[in-house]
Amino acid sequence: MLVVFLKSLITFFLVLLVVRLMGKRQLGEMQPFELVITLIIAEVACIPMNDPYIPFYAGLVPIVTLAFLQILLSTLARKSLRVRRFLSGSAIIAIDKNGINYENLKKMNININDLIESARSGGYMDFNDIAYAIFETNGNLCVIEKPSDPTVLKKPVLPLTIIVDGEWEEDNLKIAGITKPEVIKVLKKNGIMNIKEVLYFDVRQNGVVYIAPKHGKYINDKMKVEGENW
């Protein structure tokens, strides 16, 4: 009995340490690979606690290995956009200016009922109130509302990510109808000489850009966009 107690105590603090190292995310906010690792750790941790005849290291070694794997993958994902997309996928627009995007729903392998439930869970009972809806990589639905006052002619805007962690979002460049030299020109105008210095850069249909350097205050500017109908 004492052996089981000590095993449980040590395993608890080890798993607690591993979860702390993984970062402060709620279960529903985890990326797919983080959720898989968390579920496996939970299962592995129970094995040596429930059976006193199983060597303690049979539970500790997998937990430490999985913790190292999670930290390694998170580091790679932070440094490489390609690795991030491979592990977590990409955000996908479910509702755009033309309404529900059926082709994108198929890409995500979800049906219209899933979309309805996600919208309702976010407090949106009527699709007419939604200008854009985007499924994030963690499965959450992000909604941009239409103006509540029909007399207001303000057009809902959808920021398109152009640079993330110093790497280009090639597809969004095409959608926005802008080129890399045009973006670089805006960066240099604001004193940024290398895209590796850019943490985040987006552009809207009205040409307004938001630039977040890796060091220093954010910058707002404006540029000409051709693809204003996204």
Protein backbone atom coordinates (compact mmCIF):
# COMPACT_ATOMS: atom_id res chain seq x y z
CA MET A 1 0.00 0.00 0.00
CA LEU A 2 2.83 2.40 0.87
CA VAL A 3 4.48 1.68 -2.50
CA VAL A 4 1.27 2.55 -4.36
CA PHE A 5 0.92 5.75 -2.31
CA LEU A 6 4.48 6.87 -3.09
CA LYS A 7 4.09 6.01 -6.76
CA SER A 8 0.89 8.04 -6.95
CA LEU A 9 2.46 10.99 -5.15
CA ILE A 10 5.56 11.11 -7.36
CA THR A 11 3.52 10.57 -10.55
CA PHE A 12 1.16 13.40 -9.60
CA PHE A 13 3.94 15.93 -9.18
CA LEU A 14 5.70 14.73 -12.33
CA VAL A 15 2.54 15.05 -14.44
CA LEU A 16 1.86 18.47 -12.85
CA LEU A 17 5.36 19.58 -13.85
CA VAL A 18 4.87 18.29 -17.39
CA VAL A 19 1.53 20.08 -17.76
CA ARG A 20 3.10 23.32 -16.51
CA LEU A 21 5.90 22.95 -19.06
CA MET A 22 3.33 22.44 -21.81
CA GLY A 23 1.92 25.91 -21.15
CA LYS A 24 -1.29 27.37 -19.80
CA ARG A 25 -3.90 26.19 -22.29
CA GLN A 26 -7.41 25.01 -21.64
CA LEU A 27 -8.29 21.58 -23.03
CA GLY A 28 -10.46 23.10 -25.78
CA GLU A 29 -7.66 25.46 -26.84
CA MET A 30 -5.03 22.78 -27.42
CA GLN A 31 -3.62 22.05 -30.84
CA PRO A 32 -4.20 18.47 -32.10
CA PHE A 33 -0.69 17.23 -31.25
CA GLU A 34 -0.89 18.75 -27.76
CA LEU A 35 -4.21 17.05 -27.10
CA VAL A 36 -2.87 13.67 -28.28
CA ILE A 37 0.19 13.94 -26.03
CA THR A 38 -1.94 15.01 -23.05
CA LEU A 39 -4.31 12.06 -23.46
CA ILE A 40 -1.43 9.60 -23.76
CA ILE A 41 0.29 11.04 -20.67
CA ALA A 42 -2.95 10.67 -18.70
CA GLU A 43 -3.22 7.03 -19.75
CA VAL A 44 0.44 6.17 -19.16
CA ALA A 45 0.48 7.81 -15.73
CA CYS A 46 -2.25 5.46 -14.46
CA ILE A 47 -0.43 2.24 -15.34
CA PRO A 48 2.27 2.15 -12.60
CA MET A 49 -0.10 3.62 -10.02
CA ASN A 50 -2.73 0.89 -10.44
CA ASP A 51 -0.37 -2.08 -10.54
CA PRO A 52 2.31 -2.37 -7.80
CA TYR A 53 4.08 -5.10 -9.80
CA ILE A 54 4.83 -2.82 -12.76
CA PRO A 55 8.25 -1.12 -12.36
CA PHE A 56 7.95 2.57 -11.59
CA TYR A 57 10.23 3.55 -14.46
CA ALA A 58 7.74 1.95 -16.88
CA GLY A 59 5.48 4.93 -16.24
CA LEU A 60 8.05 7.64 -15.64
CA VAL A 61 10.12 7.11 -18.80
CA PRO A 62 7.12 7.47 -21.20
CA ILE A 63 5.91 10.59 -19.37
CA VAL A 64 9.31 12.28 -19.57
CA THR A 65 9.68 11.19 -23.22
CA LEU A 66 6.27 12.61 -24.15
CA ALA A 67 7.02 15.84 -22.30
CA PHE A 68 10.28 16.22 -24.23
CA LEU A 69 8.43 15.47 -27.49
CA GLN A 70 5.81 18.11 -26.76
CA ILE A 71 8.42 20.77 -25.95
CA LEU A 72 10.41 19.85 -29.07
CA LEU A 73 7.38 19.99 -31.38
CA SER A 74 6.20 23.27 -29.84
CA THR A 75 9.65 24.80 -30.37
CA LEU A 76 9.76 23.63 -33.99
CA ALA A 77 6.22 24.90 -34.60
CA ARG A 78 7.15 28.29 -33.17
CA LYS A 79 10.17 28.58 -35.44
CA SER A 80 8.74 27.10 -38.66
CA LEU A 81 5.44 27.92 -40.37
CA ARG A 82 5.60 24.67 -42.35
CA VAL A 83 5.97 22.56 -39.21
CA ARG A 84 3.15 24.52 -37.58
CA ARG A 85 0.84 23.84 -40.51
CA PHE A 86 1.77 20.15 -40.55
CA LEU A 87 1.07 19.73 -36.84
CA SER A 88 -1.91 22.06 -36.41
CA GLY A 89 -3.31 22.74 -39.88
CA SER A 90 -4.56 26.18 -40.95
CA ALA A 91 -7.51 28.36 -40.03
CA ILE A 92 -10.31 27.96 -42.60
CA ILE A 93 -13.11 30.37 -43.51
CA ALA A 94 -16.50 28.70 -43.06
CA ILE A 95 -18.65 31.76 -43.88
CA ASP A 96 -17.50 34.50 -46.24
CA LYS A 97 -19.08 37.32 -48.27
CA ASN A 98 -20.99 34.73 -50.32
CA GLY A 99 -22.38 32.90 -47.29
CA ILE A 100 -21.55 29.39 -46.10
CA ASN A 101 -18.52 28.00 -47.93
CA TYR A 102 -19.44 24.38 -48.61
CA GLU A 103 -16.07 23.46 -50.12
CA ASN A 104 -14.23 24.61 -47.00
CA LEU A 105 -16.62 22.65 -44.79
CA LYS A 106 -15.70 19.52 -46.77
CA LYS A 107 -11.99 20.26 -46.29
CA MET A 108 -12.53 20.29 -42.52
CA ASN A 109 -14.69 17.16 -42.66
CA ILE A 110 -17.56 18.86 -40.83
CA ASN A 111 -21.21 19.18 -41.82
CA ILE A 112 -23.68 22.03 -41.67
CA ASN A 113 -25.02 20.84 -38.31
CA ASP A 114 -21.54 21.17 -36.81
CA LEU A 115 -21.37 24.73 -38.11
CA ILE A 116 -24.84 25.53 -36.72
CA GLU A 117 -23.91 24.15 -33.29
CA SER A 118 -20.63 26.08 -33.21
CA ALA A 119 -22.39 29.31 -34.20
CA ARG A 120 -25.12 28.82 -31.60
CA SER A 121 -22.53 28.02 -28.92
CA GLY A 122 -20.98 31.41 -29.67
CA GLY A 123 -24.36 33.15 -29.32
CA TYR A 124 -25.15 33.50 -33.04
CA MET A 125 -28.58 32.10 -33.82
CA ASP A 126 -28.94 33.73 -37.25
CA PHE A 127 -26.40 33.38 -40.09
CA ASN A 128 -27.61 36.78 -41.33
CA ASP A 129 -25.77 38.33 -38.38
CA ILE A 130 -22.45 36.83 -39.48
CA ALA A 131 -20.17 38.53 -42.00
CA TYR A 132 -17.30 36.05 -41.61
CA ALA A 133 -16.81 32.88 -39.58
CA ILE A 134 -13.43 31.20 -39.28
CA PHE A 135 -12.59 27.84 -37.75
CA GLU A 136 -9.29 28.21 -35.93
CA THR A 137 -6.74 25.40 -35.77
CA ASN A 138 -7.90 24.47 -32.26
CA GLY A 139 -11.49 24.02 -33.48
CA ASN A 140 -12.91 27.26 -32.07
CA LEU A 141 -15.20 29.33 -34.30
CA CYS A 142 -14.26 33.01 -34.60
CA VAL A 143 -17.05 35.30 -35.88
CA ILE A 144 -17.01 38.79 -37.40
CA GLU A 145 -20.46 40.33 -37.12
CA LYS A 146 -22.34 42.39 -39.67
CA PRO A 147 -23.24 45.94 -38.59
CA SER A 148 -26.25 45.79 -36.26
CA ASP A 149 -27.67 49.02 -37.69
CA PRO A 150 -28.77 48.49 -41.34
CA THR A 151 -28.42 52.24 -42.01
CA VAL A 152 -24.69 52.02 -41.32
CA LEU A 153 -22.83 51.48 -44.57
CA LYS A 154 -19.67 50.29 -42.90
CA LYS A 155 -18.43 47.15 -44.61
CA PRO A 156 -17.17 44.32 -42.36
CA VAL A 157 -13.47 43.80 -42.84
CA LEU A 158 -11.52 40.55 -42.64
CA PRO A 159 -7.81 40.95 -41.90
CA LEU A 160 -5.67 38.64 -44.04
CA THR A 161 -2.46 37.43 -42.44
CA ILE A 162 0.49 38.17 -44.72
CA ILE A 163 3.53 37.52 -42.49
CA VAL A 164 3.74 35.34 -39.37
CA ASP A 165 7.00 34.97 -37.46
CA GLY A 166 8.99 36.29 -40.41
CA GLU A 167 7.43 33.90 -42.96
CA TRP A 168 5.14 34.67 -45.89
CA GLU A 169 1.53 33.48 -46.16
CA GLU A 170 1.69 32.89 -49.92
CA ASP A 171 -2.00 32.09 -50.45
CA ASN A 172 -3.15 35.25 -48.69
CA LEU A 173 -0.87 37.39 -50.84
CA LYS A 174 -2.78 36.17 -53.88
CA ILE A 175 -6.19 36.70 -52.25
CA ALA A 176 -5.29 40.26 -51.27
CA GLY A 177 -3.86 40.98 -54.70
CA ILE A 178 -0.57 42.31 -53.34
CA THR A 179 3.04 41.35 -53.97
CA LYS A 180 6.02 40.77 -51.72
CA PRO A 181 7.87 43.86 -53.02
CA GLU A 182 4.82 46.01 -52.15
CA VAL A 183 4.75 44.62 -48.62
CA ILE A 184 8.51 45.05 -48.22
CA LYS A 185 8.14 48.66 -49.37
CA VAL A 186 5.63 49.31 -46.57
CA LEU A 187 7.94 47.64 -44.05
CA LYS A 188 10.96 49.68 -45.10
CA LYS A 189 8.87 52.84 -44.99
CA ASN A 190 8.30 52.08 -41.32
CA GLY A 191 11.93 51.26 -40.57
CA ILE A 192 11.75 47.45 -40.86
CA MET A 193 14.43 46.22 -43.24
CA ASN A 194 13.94 42.47 -42.94
CA ILE A 195 10.74 40.41 -42.71
CA LYS A 196 12.47 38.26 -40.07
CA GLU A 197 11.95 41.26 -37.78
CA VAL A 198 8.16 40.98 -38.27
CA LEU A 199 6.13 38.97 -35.78
CA TYR A 200 2.81 39.65 -37.53
CA PHE A 201 1.56 41.59 -40.56
CA ASP A 202 -2.01 41.69 -41.87
CA VAL A 203 -4.01 43.72 -44.40
CA ARG A 204 -7.71 44.53 -44.77
CA GLN A 205 -9.98 45.14 -47.76
CA ASN A 206 -9.66 48.88 -47.22
CA GLY A 207 -5.87 48.66 -47.40
CA VAL A 208 -5.20 49.28 -43.70
CA VAL A 209 -2.29 47.19 -42.42
CA TYR A 210 -1.30 46.18 -38.92
CA ILE A 211 2.38 45.47 -38.29
CA ALA A 212 3.68 43.95 -35.07
CA PRO A 213 7.50 43.96 -34.97
CA LYS A 214 9.20 41.37 -32.79
CA HIS A 215 10.59 44.30 -30.82
CA GLY A 216 8.87 47.63 -30.40
CA LYS A 217 5.38 49.10 -30.74
CA TYR A 218 2.83 48.02 -33.35
CA ILE A 219 2.41 50.08 -36.53
CA ASN A 220 -0.67 51.03 -38.58
CA ASP A 221 -0.24 52.03 -42.21
CA LYS A 222 -2.08 51.75 -45.51
CA MET A 223 -1.37 50.17 -48.89
CA LYS A 224 -3.20 49.52 -52.12
CA VAL A 225 -4.94 46.15 -52.42
CA GLU A 226 -6.41 44.67 -55.58
CA GLY A 227 -8.40 41.78 -54.15
CA GLU A 228 -10.92 43.84 -52.19
CA ASN A 229 -13.74 41.27 -52.56
CA TRP A 230 -12.48 38.58 -50.19
